[in-house]
Amino acid sequence: MGGEPVEILHGIDLSILRGDYTAIVGSSGSGKSTLMTIMGCLEKPSGGHYYFDARDVTLLSDHELTDIRNFRIGFIFQQFNLLSRLTALENVMLPLVYAGAPRSERRERAEEMLVQVGLADRLAHRPNQLSGGQQQRVAMARALVNQPELLLADEPTGALDSRTGEEVIELISGLHARGLTIVLVTHDPAVAHRSDRIVRLQDGQITSDSSAQGERS
């Protein structure tokens, strides 16, 4: 807007390895969501470098970034971001449409993902016919339908009650157990401690980076 640029992240030095399950925690305004958007190739850092699988994201074209987002990264958000006019099945099929998958393959893969998240009997339901937990499961199925290498979850339990949130975290833990790399932003200590590693942010800086097991003991 013509004002002075605001520096949100300062001197971040962070590596995420394949198979990691990392929670990023911090108070509101600490830079968690900004770090997540950079990791998800939704934004380029204004300074420094971010490497995704040894490729410098700052040097990639918009088309290359789109390919990474569509095929290699899955996103889960607090507010689900489902299209209200579409059924659960149609919402999950969307990434496959953008990826150019054949129509028959789209339906088969979308149904398979909804079965995996426990919604085999909700394929034809629209978001307003689903509970919050069911909507988040649809969002998870959509995030996973292109078989990403990295799952980014931004406050995935923030809009859910404690029981439903626990069910979602169990699903995420199961995905990690099958080898998926997961980075999760949360303000909930209980959710963070389900991960293997906790990175704490404050005022745009990493203040600690430790194993969740060490914090639990």
N, C-alpha and C. Protein backbone atom coordinates (compact mmCIF):
# COMPACT_ATOMS: atom_id res chain seq x y z
N MET A 1 0.82 -1.21 0.00
CA MET A 1 0.00 0.00 0.00
C MET A 1 0.86 1.26 0.00
N GLY A 2 2.15 1.13 -0.31
CA GLY A 2 3.03 2.28 -0.38
C GLY A 2 3.73 2.60 0.91
N GLY A 3 3.42 1.86 2.01
CA GLY A 3 4.08 2.12 3.28
C GLY A 3 5.40 1.38 3.38
N GLU A 4 5.99 1.48 4.56
CA GLU A 4 7.25 0.79 4.79
C GLU A 4 7.00 -0.72 4.87
N PRO A 5 7.88 -1.54 4.26
CA PRO A 5 7.72 -3.00 4.38
C PRO A 5 7.87 -3.46 5.82
N VAL A 6 7.10 -4.46 6.18
CA VAL A 6 7.15 -5.01 7.53
C VAL A 6 7.86 -6.36 7.48
N GLU A 7 8.90 -6.51 8.25
CA GLU A 7 9.63 -7.77 8.30
C GLU A 7 8.99 -8.66 9.35
N ILE A 8 8.44 -9.80 8.89
CA ILE A 8 7.69 -10.68 9.79
C ILE A 8 8.59 -11.78 10.35
N LEU A 9 9.44 -12.36 9.51
CA LEU A 9 10.35 -13.42 9.94
C LEU A 9 11.78 -12.88 9.93
N HIS A 10 12.56 -13.31 10.91
CA HIS A 10 13.92 -12.78 11.07
C HIS A 10 14.91 -13.93 11.24
N GLY A 11 15.80 -14.11 10.28
CA GLY A 11 16.88 -15.07 10.44
C GLY A 11 16.44 -16.50 10.68
N ILE A 12 15.38 -16.92 10.02
CA ILE A 12 14.89 -18.30 10.19
C ILE A 12 15.86 -19.27 9.52
N ASP A 13 16.31 -20.26 10.28
CA ASP A 13 17.19 -21.33 9.77
C ASP A 13 16.56 -22.65 10.20
N LEU A 14 15.87 -23.30 9.27
CA LEU A 14 15.08 -24.47 9.62
C LEU A 14 15.13 -25.49 8.49
N SER A 15 15.36 -26.74 8.84
CA SER A 15 15.37 -27.84 7.87
C SER A 15 14.32 -28.86 8.29
N ILE A 16 13.51 -29.28 7.33
CA ILE A 16 12.53 -30.34 7.53
C ILE A 16 12.94 -31.52 6.65
N LEU A 17 13.14 -32.67 7.26
CA LEU A 17 13.57 -33.85 6.52
C LEU A 17 12.37 -34.71 6.14
N ARG A 18 12.55 -35.53 5.11
CA ARG A 18 11.48 -36.45 4.71
C ARG A 18 11.10 -37.35 5.89
N GLY A 19 9.81 -37.49 6.11
CA GLY A 19 9.33 -38.33 7.19
C GLY A 19 9.21 -37.62 8.53
N ASP A 20 9.61 -36.36 8.60
CA ASP A 20 9.48 -35.60 9.86
C ASP A 20 8.01 -35.32 10.17
N TYR A 21 7.72 -35.17 11.45
CA TYR A 21 6.42 -34.69 11.92
C TYR A 21 6.73 -33.53 12.85
N THR A 22 6.59 -32.32 12.36
CA THR A 22 7.02 -31.12 13.07
C THR A 22 5.84 -30.23 13.38
N ALA A 23 5.76 -29.75 14.62
CA ALA A 23 4.75 -28.77 15.02
C ALA A 23 5.43 -27.41 15.17
N ILE A 24 4.81 -26.39 14.63
CA ILE A 24 5.29 -25.02 14.78
C ILE A 24 4.31 -24.30 15.69
N VAL A 25 4.79 -23.78 16.80
CA VAL A 25 3.92 -23.16 17.79
C VAL A 25 4.40 -21.74 18.08
N GLY A 26 3.50 -20.94 18.63
CA GLY A 26 3.83 -19.56 18.97
C GLY A 26 2.54 -18.78 19.13
N SER A 27 2.63 -17.64 19.76
CA SER A 27 1.46 -16.81 19.99
C SER A 27 1.00 -16.16 18.69
N SER A 28 -0.18 -15.56 18.72
CA SER A 28 -0.69 -14.85 17.55
C SER A 28 0.28 -13.74 17.15
N GLY A 29 0.59 -13.68 15.86
CA GLY A 29 1.52 -12.66 15.39
C GLY A 29 2.98 -13.06 15.46
N SER A 30 3.25 -14.30 15.82
CA SER A 30 4.64 -14.75 15.95
C SER A 30 5.28 -15.08 14.60
N GLY A 31 4.47 -15.23 13.56
CA GLY A 31 5.00 -15.54 12.24
C GLY A 31 4.72 -16.95 11.76
N LYS A 32 3.92 -17.71 12.52
CA LYS A 32 3.66 -19.11 12.18
C LYS A 32 3.04 -19.26 10.80
N SER A 33 1.96 -18.52 10.55
CA SER A 33 1.25 -18.67 9.28
C SER A 33 2.08 -18.16 8.11
N THR A 34 2.86 -17.11 8.33
CA THR A 34 3.73 -16.62 7.26
C THR A 34 4.77 -17.68 6.89
N LEU A 35 5.34 -18.30 7.89
CA LEU A 35 6.31 -19.37 7.63
C LEU A 35 5.64 -20.51 6.88
N MET A 36 4.41 -20.84 7.24
CA MET A 36 3.69 -21.91 6.56
C MET A 36 3.43 -21.57 5.09
N THR A 37 3.04 -20.32 4.81
CA THR A 37 2.76 -19.95 3.42
C THR A 37 4.03 -20.00 2.57
N ILE A 38 5.16 -19.67 3.15
CA ILE A 38 6.43 -19.77 2.42
C ILE A 38 6.78 -21.23 2.18
N MET A 39 6.63 -22.06 3.20
CA MET A 39 6.92 -23.49 3.05
C MET A 39 6.02 -24.13 2.01
N GLY A 40 4.79 -23.64 1.89
CA GLY A 40 3.85 -24.20 0.94
C GLY A 40 3.95 -23.59 -0.45
N CYS A 41 4.95 -22.75 -0.66
CA CYS A 41 5.17 -22.10 -1.97
C CYS A 41 3.99 -21.23 -2.37
N LEU A 42 3.26 -20.74 -1.38
CA LEU A 42 2.19 -19.78 -1.65
C LEU A 42 2.73 -18.36 -1.75
N GLU A 43 3.87 -18.12 -1.10
CA GLU A 43 4.57 -16.84 -1.18
C GLU A 43 6.05 -17.10 -1.26
N LYS A 44 6.76 -16.19 -1.92
CA LYS A 44 8.22 -16.25 -1.93
C LYS A 44 8.76 -15.32 -0.84
N PRO A 45 9.82 -15.73 -0.16
CA PRO A 45 10.40 -14.83 0.84
C PRO A 45 11.00 -13.61 0.16
N SER A 46 10.89 -12.45 0.81
CA SER A 46 11.44 -11.22 0.23
C SER A 46 12.95 -11.15 0.38
N GLY A 47 13.49 -12.02 1.22
CA GLY A 47 14.93 -12.11 1.40
C GLY A 47 15.31 -13.52 1.80
N GLY A 48 16.56 -13.88 1.59
CA GLY A 48 17.00 -15.22 1.93
C GLY A 48 16.56 -16.23 0.89
N HIS A 49 16.62 -17.51 1.25
CA HIS A 49 16.31 -18.58 0.31
C HIS A 49 15.51 -19.68 1.00
N TYR A 50 14.62 -20.29 0.25
CA TYR A 50 13.88 -21.46 0.70
C TYR A 50 14.06 -22.55 -0.34
N TYR A 51 14.55 -23.69 0.10
CA TYR A 51 14.79 -24.81 -0.81
C TYR A 51 13.75 -25.90 -0.57
N PHE A 52 13.07 -26.28 -1.63
CA PHE A 52 12.15 -27.41 -1.57
C PHE A 52 12.76 -28.53 -2.38
N ASP A 53 13.14 -29.60 -1.72
CA ASP A 53 13.78 -30.73 -2.39
C ASP A 53 14.97 -30.25 -3.22
N ALA A 54 15.81 -29.44 -2.60
CA ALA A 54 17.06 -28.93 -3.17
C ALA A 54 16.85 -27.90 -4.28
N ARG A 55 15.62 -27.47 -4.54
CA ARG A 55 15.36 -26.43 -5.54
C ARG A 55 15.07 -25.11 -4.84
N ASP A 56 15.77 -24.05 -5.24
CA ASP A 56 15.60 -22.74 -4.65
C ASP A 56 14.27 -22.16 -5.12
N VAL A 57 13.31 -22.10 -4.23
CA VAL A 57 11.97 -21.63 -4.58
C VAL A 57 11.99 -20.20 -5.08
N THR A 58 12.90 -19.39 -4.59
CA THR A 58 12.95 -17.99 -4.99
C THR A 58 13.27 -17.82 -6.47
N LEU A 59 13.80 -18.87 -7.10
CA LEU A 59 14.19 -18.80 -8.51
C LEU A 59 13.18 -19.47 -9.44
N LEU A 60 12.13 -20.06 -8.89
CA LEU A 60 11.17 -20.80 -9.70
C LEU A 60 10.12 -19.89 -10.32
N SER A 61 9.64 -20.29 -11.47
CA SER A 61 8.57 -19.54 -12.15
C SER A 61 7.23 -19.83 -11.48
N ASP A 62 6.23 -19.02 -11.79
CA ASP A 62 4.89 -19.25 -11.25
C ASP A 62 4.37 -20.62 -11.66
N HIS A 63 4.65 -21.04 -12.88
CA HIS A 63 4.20 -22.35 -13.36
C HIS A 63 4.85 -23.47 -12.55
N GLU A 64 6.14 -23.34 -12.27
CA GLU A 64 6.84 -24.36 -11.48
C GLU A 64 6.31 -24.40 -10.06
N LEU A 65 6.01 -23.24 -9.49
CA LEU A 65 5.46 -23.20 -8.14
C LEU A 65 4.07 -23.83 -8.10
N THR A 66 3.28 -23.60 -9.14
CA THR A 66 1.95 -24.20 -9.21
C THR A 66 2.05 -25.71 -9.26
N ASP A 67 2.99 -26.23 -10.02
CA ASP A 67 3.17 -27.68 -10.09
C ASP A 67 3.53 -28.26 -8.72
N ILE A 68 4.41 -27.57 -7.98
CA ILE A 68 4.78 -28.05 -6.65
C ILE A 68 3.56 -28.08 -5.74
N ARG A 69 2.78 -27.01 -5.76
CA ARG A 69 1.59 -26.93 -4.90
C ARG A 69 0.55 -27.99 -5.28
N ASN A 70 0.39 -28.22 -6.57
CA ASN A 70 -0.65 -29.15 -7.03
C ASN A 70 -0.29 -30.61 -6.82
N PHE A 71 0.99 -30.94 -6.97
CA PHE A 71 1.38 -32.35 -7.01
C PHE A 71 2.23 -32.81 -5.82
N ARG A 72 2.84 -31.90 -5.08
CA ARG A 72 3.79 -32.34 -4.08
C ARG A 72 3.46 -31.90 -2.66
N ILE A 73 2.52 -30.97 -2.52
CA ILE A 73 2.15 -30.45 -1.21
C ILE A 73 0.64 -30.52 -1.04
N GLY A 74 0.21 -30.99 0.13
CA GLY A 74 -1.20 -30.96 0.49
C GLY A 74 -1.42 -29.95 1.60
N PHE A 75 -2.55 -29.24 1.55
CA PHE A 75 -2.84 -28.17 2.52
C PHE A 75 -4.13 -28.48 3.28
N ILE A 76 -4.08 -28.29 4.60
CA ILE A 76 -5.28 -28.36 5.44
C ILE A 76 -5.35 -27.05 6.22
N PHE A 77 -6.54 -26.41 6.22
CA PHE A 77 -6.69 -25.13 6.89
C PHE A 77 -7.73 -25.23 8.00
N GLN A 78 -7.70 -24.25 8.89
CA GLN A 78 -8.62 -24.24 10.02
C GLN A 78 -10.08 -24.15 9.57
N GLN A 79 -10.34 -23.37 8.53
CA GLN A 79 -11.72 -23.11 8.12
C GLN A 79 -12.21 -24.02 6.99
N PHE A 80 -11.47 -25.08 6.69
CA PHE A 80 -11.86 -26.13 5.74
C PHE A 80 -11.78 -25.69 4.27
N ASN A 81 -12.30 -24.49 3.94
CA ASN A 81 -12.24 -23.97 2.57
C ASN A 81 -12.86 -24.92 1.54
N LEU A 82 -13.99 -25.51 1.91
CA LEU A 82 -14.73 -26.34 0.96
C LEU A 82 -15.68 -25.47 0.15
N LEU A 83 -15.96 -25.88 -1.09
CA LEU A 83 -16.92 -25.17 -1.92
C LEU A 83 -18.33 -25.64 -1.58
N SER A 84 -19.17 -24.71 -1.14
CA SER A 84 -20.48 -25.07 -0.58
C SER A 84 -21.40 -25.71 -1.61
N ARG A 85 -21.25 -25.38 -2.89
CA ARG A 85 -22.17 -25.91 -3.89
C ARG A 85 -21.81 -27.32 -4.35
N LEU A 86 -20.64 -27.80 -3.93
CA LEU A 86 -20.16 -29.11 -4.36
C LEU A 86 -20.36 -30.15 -3.26
N THR A 87 -20.54 -31.40 -3.66
CA THR A 87 -20.61 -32.49 -2.69
C THR A 87 -19.22 -32.79 -2.14
N ALA A 88 -19.18 -33.62 -1.12
CA ALA A 88 -17.89 -34.04 -0.57
C ALA A 88 -17.02 -34.67 -1.66
N LEU A 89 -17.63 -35.54 -2.46
CA LEU A 89 -16.88 -36.21 -3.53
C LEU A 89 -16.35 -35.20 -4.54
N GLU A 90 -17.18 -34.24 -4.93
CA GLU A 90 -16.76 -33.23 -5.91
C GLU A 90 -15.67 -32.33 -5.37
N ASN A 91 -15.74 -31.99 -4.07
CA ASN A 91 -14.68 -31.19 -3.46
C ASN A 91 -13.34 -31.92 -3.51
N VAL A 92 -13.37 -33.21 -3.23
CA VAL A 92 -12.12 -33.99 -3.22
C VAL A 92 -11.59 -34.19 -4.63
N MET A 93 -12.48 -34.21 -5.60
CA MET A 93 -12.07 -34.40 -6.99
C MET A 93 -11.38 -33.16 -7.57
N LEU A 94 -11.59 -31.99 -6.98
CA LEU A 94 -11.11 -30.74 -7.58
C LEU A 94 -9.61 -30.75 -7.91
N PRO A 95 -8.73 -31.14 -6.96
CA PRO A 95 -7.29 -31.14 -7.31
C PRO A 95 -6.97 -32.03 -8.50
N LEU A 96 -7.75 -33.08 -8.68
CA LEU A 96 -7.52 -33.98 -9.81
C LEU A 96 -7.97 -33.34 -11.12
N VAL A 97 -8.99 -32.50 -11.03
CA VAL A 97 -9.42 -31.74 -12.21
C VAL A 97 -8.30 -30.82 -12.66
N TYR A 98 -7.74 -30.06 -11.68
CA TYR A 98 -6.65 -29.14 -12.00
C TYR A 98 -5.41 -29.88 -12.51
N ALA A 99 -5.23 -31.11 -12.03
CA ALA A 99 -4.07 -31.89 -12.45
C ALA A 99 -4.27 -32.56 -13.80
N GLY A 100 -5.50 -32.49 -14.34
CA GLY A 100 -5.76 -33.06 -15.65
C GLY A 100 -5.96 -34.57 -15.64
N ALA A 101 -6.32 -35.13 -14.48
CA ALA A 101 -6.55 -36.58 -14.40
C ALA A 101 -7.82 -36.96 -15.16
N PRO A 102 -7.87 -38.15 -15.77
CA PRO A 102 -9.08 -38.60 -16.47
C PRO A 102 -10.28 -38.65 -15.53
N ARG A 103 -11.46 -38.41 -16.08
CA ARG A 103 -12.68 -38.33 -15.25
C ARG A 103 -12.88 -39.59 -14.41
N SER A 104 -12.72 -40.77 -15.01
CA SER A 104 -12.94 -42.02 -14.28
C SER A 104 -11.95 -42.16 -13.13
N GLU A 105 -10.72 -41.74 -13.36
CA GLU A 105 -9.71 -41.82 -12.32
C GLU A 105 -10.00 -40.84 -11.18
N ARG A 106 -10.51 -39.67 -11.53
CA ARG A 106 -10.84 -38.67 -10.50
C ARG A 106 -11.82 -39.25 -9.48
N ARG A 107 -12.91 -39.82 -9.98
CA ARG A 107 -13.93 -40.35 -9.08
C ARG A 107 -13.40 -41.49 -8.24
N GLU A 108 -12.67 -42.39 -8.85
CA GLU A 108 -12.13 -43.54 -8.12
C GLU A 108 -11.19 -43.11 -7.01
N ARG A 109 -10.28 -42.21 -7.33
CA ARG A 109 -9.31 -41.79 -6.32
C ARG A 109 -9.96 -40.96 -5.22
N ALA A 110 -10.93 -40.12 -5.59
CA ALA A 110 -11.62 -39.32 -4.59
C ALA A 110 -12.43 -40.20 -3.64
N GLU A 111 -13.12 -41.18 -4.19
CA GLU A 111 -13.88 -42.10 -3.34
C GLU A 111 -12.95 -42.85 -2.40
N GLU A 112 -11.80 -43.28 -2.92
CA GLU A 112 -10.85 -44.02 -2.10
C GLU A 112 -10.38 -43.18 -0.92
N MET A 113 -10.09 -41.88 -1.16
CA MET A 113 -9.62 -41.03 -0.08
C MET A 113 -10.72 -40.78 0.95
N LEU A 114 -11.94 -40.61 0.50
CA LEU A 114 -13.04 -40.39 1.46
C LEU A 114 -13.29 -41.64 2.29
N VAL A 115 -13.13 -42.80 1.71
CA VAL A 115 -13.23 -44.03 2.49
C VAL A 115 -12.13 -44.08 3.54
N GLN A 116 -10.92 -43.68 3.17
CA GLN A 116 -9.79 -43.72 4.10
C GLN A 116 -10.00 -42.81 5.31
N VAL A 117 -10.70 -41.68 5.11
CA VAL A 117 -10.94 -40.77 6.24
C VAL A 117 -12.28 -41.03 6.91
N GLY A 118 -12.92 -42.16 6.57
CA GLY A 118 -14.12 -42.58 7.28
C GLY A 118 -15.42 -41.94 6.82
N LEU A 119 -15.47 -41.50 5.55
CA LEU A 119 -16.68 -40.82 5.06
C LEU A 119 -17.29 -41.54 3.86
N ALA A 120 -17.21 -42.84 3.85
CA ALA A 120 -17.76 -43.62 2.73
C ALA A 120 -19.26 -43.38 2.55
N ASP A 121 -19.96 -43.03 3.62
CA ASP A 121 -21.41 -42.82 3.55
C ASP A 121 -21.79 -41.35 3.42
N ARG A 122 -20.81 -40.49 3.10
CA ARG A 122 -21.09 -39.05 2.99
C ARG A 122 -20.67 -38.48 1.64
N LEU A 123 -20.49 -39.32 0.63
CA LEU A 123 -19.96 -38.86 -0.65
C LEU A 123 -20.83 -37.78 -1.29
N ALA A 124 -22.15 -37.92 -1.18
CA ALA A 124 -23.07 -37.01 -1.87
C ALA A 124 -23.52 -35.84 -1.01
N HIS A 125 -22.98 -35.73 0.21
CA HIS A 125 -23.37 -34.65 1.11
C HIS A 125 -22.61 -33.37 0.79
N ARG A 126 -23.29 -32.24 0.89
CA ARG A 126 -22.64 -30.94 0.74
C ARG A 126 -22.14 -30.47 2.11
N PRO A 127 -21.21 -29.50 2.14
CA PRO A 127 -20.62 -29.09 3.42
C PRO A 127 -21.64 -28.72 4.50
N ASN A 128 -22.75 -28.07 4.12
CA ASN A 128 -23.73 -27.68 5.14
C ASN A 128 -24.50 -28.86 5.70
N GLN A 129 -24.29 -30.04 5.12
CA GLN A 129 -24.92 -31.26 5.63
C GLN A 129 -23.95 -32.09 6.46
N LEU A 130 -22.76 -31.54 6.70
CA LEU A 130 -21.72 -32.26 7.43
C LEU A 130 -21.35 -31.52 8.70
N SER A 131 -20.93 -32.26 9.71
CA SER A 131 -20.44 -31.64 10.93
C SER A 131 -19.07 -31.02 10.67
N GLY A 132 -18.58 -30.23 11.62
CA GLY A 132 -17.26 -29.62 11.47
C GLY A 132 -16.17 -30.66 11.29
N GLY A 133 -16.24 -31.72 12.07
CA GLY A 133 -15.24 -32.78 11.96
C GLY A 133 -15.29 -33.47 10.62
N GLN A 134 -16.50 -33.69 10.12
CA GLN A 134 -16.65 -34.33 8.81
C GLN A 134 -16.13 -33.42 7.70
N GLN A 135 -16.38 -32.11 7.83
CA GLN A 135 -15.86 -31.17 6.84
C GLN A 135 -14.33 -31.18 6.83
N GLN A 136 -13.72 -31.26 8.01
CA GLN A 136 -12.26 -31.29 8.06
C GLN A 136 -11.73 -32.59 7.45
N ARG A 137 -12.46 -33.67 7.61
CA ARG A 137 -12.05 -34.93 6.98
C ARG A 137 -12.12 -34.83 5.46
N VAL A 138 -13.15 -34.16 4.96
CA VAL A 138 -13.24 -33.93 3.51
C VAL A 138 -12.04 -33.10 3.06
N ALA A 139 -11.72 -32.07 3.83
CA ALA A 139 -10.56 -31.23 3.50
C ALA A 139 -9.27 -32.04 3.51
N MET A 140 -9.15 -32.98 4.44
CA MET A 140 -7.97 -33.84 4.48
C MET A 140 -7.92 -34.73 3.25
N ALA A 141 -9.06 -35.31 2.89
CA ALA A 141 -9.10 -36.17 1.71
C ALA A 141 -8.71 -35.38 0.47
N ARG A 142 -9.18 -34.16 0.37
CA ARG A 142 -8.82 -33.30 -0.76
C ARG A 142 -7.33 -33.01 -0.77
N ALA A 143 -6.75 -32.77 0.40
CA ALA A 143 -5.32 -32.47 0.49
C ALA A 143 -4.46 -33.67 0.11
N LEU A 144 -5.00 -34.87 0.27
CA LEU A 144 -4.21 -36.09 0.08
C LEU A 144 -4.45 -36.77 -1.26
N VAL A 145 -5.45 -36.33 -2.01
CA VAL A 145 -5.88 -37.08 -3.19
C VAL A 145 -4.80 -37.12 -4.28
N ASN A 146 -3.92 -36.13 -4.33
CA ASN A 146 -2.83 -36.14 -5.31
C ASN A 146 -1.56 -36.79 -4.76
N GLN A 147 -1.68 -37.47 -3.62
CA GLN A 147 -0.57 -38.20 -3.01
C GLN A 147 0.66 -37.31 -2.81
N PRO A 148 0.50 -36.23 -2.02
CA PRO A 148 1.61 -35.29 -1.82
C PRO A 148 2.73 -35.90 -1.00
N GLU A 149 3.89 -35.29 -1.09
CA GLU A 149 5.04 -35.69 -0.28
C GLU A 149 5.07 -34.96 1.06
N LEU A 150 4.42 -33.80 1.11
CA LEU A 150 4.41 -32.95 2.30
C LEU A 150 2.99 -32.50 2.58
N LEU A 151 2.56 -32.65 3.84
CA LEU A 151 1.25 -32.16 4.28
C LEU A 151 1.47 -30.99 5.22
N LEU A 152 0.88 -29.84 4.87
CA LEU A 152 0.94 -28.65 5.71
C LEU A 152 -0.44 -28.43 6.33
N ALA A 153 -0.50 -28.38 7.64
CA ALA A 153 -1.77 -28.23 8.35
C ALA A 153 -1.72 -26.99 9.22
N ASP A 154 -2.54 -26.00 8.91
CA ASP A 154 -2.57 -24.74 9.65
C ASP A 154 -3.75 -24.73 10.60
N GLU A 155 -3.48 -24.95 11.88
CA GLU A 155 -4.51 -25.00 12.93
C GLU A 155 -5.65 -25.95 12.53
N PRO A 156 -5.35 -27.21 12.22
CA PRO A 156 -6.38 -28.11 11.71
C PRO A 156 -7.48 -28.45 12.72
N THR A 157 -7.23 -28.20 14.01
CA THR A 157 -8.24 -28.50 15.02
C THR A 157 -8.84 -27.23 15.61
N GLY A 158 -8.45 -26.07 15.09
CA GLY A 158 -8.86 -24.81 15.70
C GLY A 158 -10.35 -24.56 15.72
N ALA A 159 -11.07 -25.08 14.73
CA ALA A 159 -12.52 -24.85 14.65
C ALA A 159 -13.32 -26.04 15.15
N LEU A 160 -12.65 -26.99 15.81
CA LEU A 160 -13.32 -28.23 16.22
C LEU A 160 -13.38 -28.36 17.73
N ASP A 161 -14.36 -29.11 18.23
CA ASP A 161 -14.38 -29.41 19.66
C ASP A 161 -13.27 -30.40 19.97
N SER A 162 -12.99 -30.60 21.26
CA SER A 162 -11.82 -31.38 21.67
C SER A 162 -11.89 -32.82 21.19
N ARG A 163 -13.06 -33.45 21.25
CA ARG A 163 -13.17 -34.85 20.84
C ARG A 163 -12.94 -34.99 19.33
N THR A 164 -13.57 -34.10 18.56
CA THR A 164 -13.42 -34.16 17.11
C THR A 164 -12.00 -33.80 16.71
N GLY A 165 -11.42 -32.83 17.41
CA GLY A 165 -10.03 -32.47 17.14
C GLY A 165 -9.09 -33.63 17.37
N GLU A 166 -9.34 -34.40 18.41
CA GLU A 166 -8.52 -35.58 18.69
C GLU A 166 -8.63 -36.59 17.56
N GLU A 167 -9.82 -36.76 17.02
CA GLU A 167 -10.01 -37.70 15.91
C GLU A 167 -9.20 -37.26 14.69
N VAL A 168 -9.18 -35.96 14.41
CA VAL A 168 -8.42 -35.44 13.27
C VAL A 168 -6.92 -35.64 13.49
N ILE A 169 -6.46 -35.38 14.71
CA ILE A 169 -5.03 -35.57 15.00
C ILE A 169 -4.64 -37.04 14.90
N GLU A 170 -5.55 -37.93 15.28
CA GLU A 170 -5.28 -39.37 15.12
C GLU A 170 -5.10 -39.71 13.65
N LEU A 171 -5.93 -39.12 12.79
CA LEU A 171 -5.80 -39.36 11.36
C LEU A 171 -4.45 -38.85 10.85
N ILE A 172 -4.06 -37.65 11.29
CA ILE A 172 -2.78 -37.07 10.87
C ILE A 172 -1.62 -37.93 11.36
N SER A 173 -1.70 -38.41 12.60
CA SER A 173 -0.64 -39.27 13.13
C SER A 173 -0.54 -40.57 12.33
N GLY A 174 -1.70 -41.09 11.90
CA GLY A 174 -1.68 -42.30 11.09
C GLY A 174 -1.03 -42.08 9.74
N LEU A 175 -1.24 -40.90 9.16
CA LEU A 175 -0.59 -40.56 7.89
C LEU A 175 0.92 -40.49 8.07
N HIS A 176 1.35 -39.91 9.17
CA HIS A 176 2.79 -39.83 9.44
C HIS A 176 3.37 -41.23 9.63
N ALA A 177 2.64 -42.10 10.30
CA ALA A 177 3.12 -43.46 10.53
C ALA A 177 3.33 -44.20 9.22
N ARG A 178 2.59 -43.79 8.16
CA ARG A 178 2.76 -44.40 6.85
C ARG A 178 3.81 -43.69 6.00
N GLY A 179 4.52 -42.72 6.61
CA GLY A 179 5.67 -42.12 5.94
C GLY A 179 5.51 -40.72 5.42
N LEU A 180 4.32 -40.11 5.59
CA LEU A 180 4.11 -38.76 5.07
C LEU A 180 4.81 -37.72 5.94
N THR A 181 5.47 -36.77 5.31
CA THR A 181 6.10 -35.65 6.01
C THR A 181 5.02 -34.64 6.38
N ILE A 182 5.00 -34.22 7.64
CA ILE A 182 3.94 -33.34 8.12
C ILE A 182 4.53 -32.16 8.88
N VAL A 183 4.04 -30.96 8.54
CA VAL A 183 4.33 -29.75 9.30
C VAL A 183 2.99 -29.17 9.72
N LEU A 184 2.82 -28.97 11.02
CA LEU A 184 1.54 -28.57 11.57
C LEU A 184 1.72 -27.30 12.41
N VAL A 185 0.92 -26.28 12.13
CA VAL A 185 0.91 -25.06 12.93
C VAL A 185 -0.22 -25.18 13.95
N THR A 186 0.07 -24.89 15.21
CA THR A 186 -0.95 -24.99 16.24
C THR A 186 -0.62 -24.08 17.41
N HIS A 187 -1.66 -23.66 18.12
CA HIS A 187 -1.47 -22.95 19.38
C HIS A 187 -1.77 -23.87 20.56
N ASP A 188 -2.17 -25.12 20.27
CA ASP A 188 -2.60 -26.08 21.30
C ASP A 188 -1.42 -26.96 21.71
N PRO A 189 -0.95 -26.85 22.95
CA PRO A 189 0.19 -27.67 23.40
C PRO A 189 -0.06 -29.17 23.27
N ALA A 190 -1.30 -29.60 23.51
CA ALA A 190 -1.60 -31.03 23.42
C ALA A 190 -1.44 -31.53 21.99
N VAL A 191 -1.85 -30.73 21.02
CA VAL A 191 -1.69 -31.10 19.62
C VAL A 191 -0.21 -31.10 19.25
N ALA A 192 0.52 -30.08 19.69
CA ALA A 192 1.95 -29.99 19.38
C ALA A 192 2.71 -31.20 19.90
N HIS A 193 2.33 -31.69 21.07
CA HIS A 193 3.07 -32.79 21.68
C HIS A 193 2.74 -34.15 21.07
N ARG A 194 1.82 -34.17 20.12
CA ARG A 194 1.60 -35.40 19.37
C ARG A 194 2.61 -35.55 18.23
N SER A 195 3.34 -34.48 17.94
CA SER A 195 4.36 -34.50 16.89
C SER A 195 5.65 -35.10 17.44
N ASP A 196 6.67 -35.17 16.58
CA ASP A 196 7.99 -35.64 17.00
C ASP A 196 8.92 -34.49 17.36
N ARG A 197 8.60 -33.29 16.86
CA ARG A 197 9.50 -32.14 17.00
C ARG A 197 8.68 -30.87 17.14
N ILE A 198 9.08 -29.99 18.03
CA ILE A 198 8.36 -28.74 18.26
C ILE A 198 9.31 -27.57 18.02
N VAL A 199 8.90 -26.70 17.08
CA VAL A 199 9.64 -25.47 16.78
C VAL A 199 8.82 -24.31 17.31
N ARG A 200 9.43 -23.50 18.20
CA ARG A 200 8.72 -22.38 18.80
C ARG A 200 9.17 -21.07 18.16
N LEU A 201 8.16 -20.26 17.78
CA LEU A 201 8.42 -18.94 17.21
C LEU A 201 7.97 -17.85 18.17
N GLN A 202 8.73 -16.78 18.18
CA GLN A 202 8.34 -15.58 18.92
C GLN A 202 8.88 -14.37 18.17
N ASP A 203 7.98 -13.45 17.86
CA ASP A 203 8.36 -12.23 17.14
C ASP A 203 9.16 -12.54 15.88
N GLY A 204 8.74 -13.58 15.16
CA GLY A 204 9.35 -13.89 13.89
C GLY A 204 10.67 -14.62 13.96
N GLN A 205 11.05 -15.08 15.13
CA GLN A 205 12.32 -15.78 15.30
C GLN A 205 12.09 -17.14 15.97
N ILE A 206 12.94 -18.10 15.64
CA ILE A 206 12.89 -19.39 16.32
C ILE A 206 13.57 -19.26 17.67
N THR A 207 12.80 -19.55 18.72
CA THR A 207 13.36 -19.48 20.07
C THR A 207 13.75 -20.84 20.61
N SER A 208 13.19 -21.91 20.06
CA SER A 208 13.60 -23.25 20.46
C SER A 208 13.20 -24.24 19.38
N ASP A 209 13.94 -25.33 19.31
CA ASP A 209 13.71 -26.39 18.33
C ASP A 209 14.12 -27.69 19.01
N SER A 210 13.14 -28.46 19.48
CA SER A 210 13.46 -29.62 20.31
C SER A 210 12.52 -30.77 20.00
N SER A 211 12.86 -31.94 20.48
CA SER A 211 12.00 -33.10 20.29
C SER A 211 10.80 -33.00 21.22
N ALA A 212 9.65 -33.40 20.72
CA ALA A 212 8.45 -33.38 21.54
C ALA A 212 8.58 -34.35 22.69
N GLN A 213 9.27 -35.45 22.49
CA GLN A 213 9.46 -36.42 23.55
C GLN A 213 10.23 -35.81 24.70
N GLY A 214 11.25 -35.01 24.39
CA GLY A 214 12.02 -34.36 25.43
C GLY A 214 11.18 -33.39 26.24
N GLU A 215 10.25 -32.70 25.57
CA GLU A 215 9.38 -31.77 26.29
C GLU A 215 8.37 -32.50 27.15
N ARG A 216 7.96 -33.70 26.70
CA ARG A 216 6.99 -34.45 27.48
C ARG A 216 7.60 -35.03 28.75
N SER A 217 8.90 -35.35 28.69
CA SER A 217 9.53 -36.03 29.83
C SER A 217 9.88 -35.04 30.94
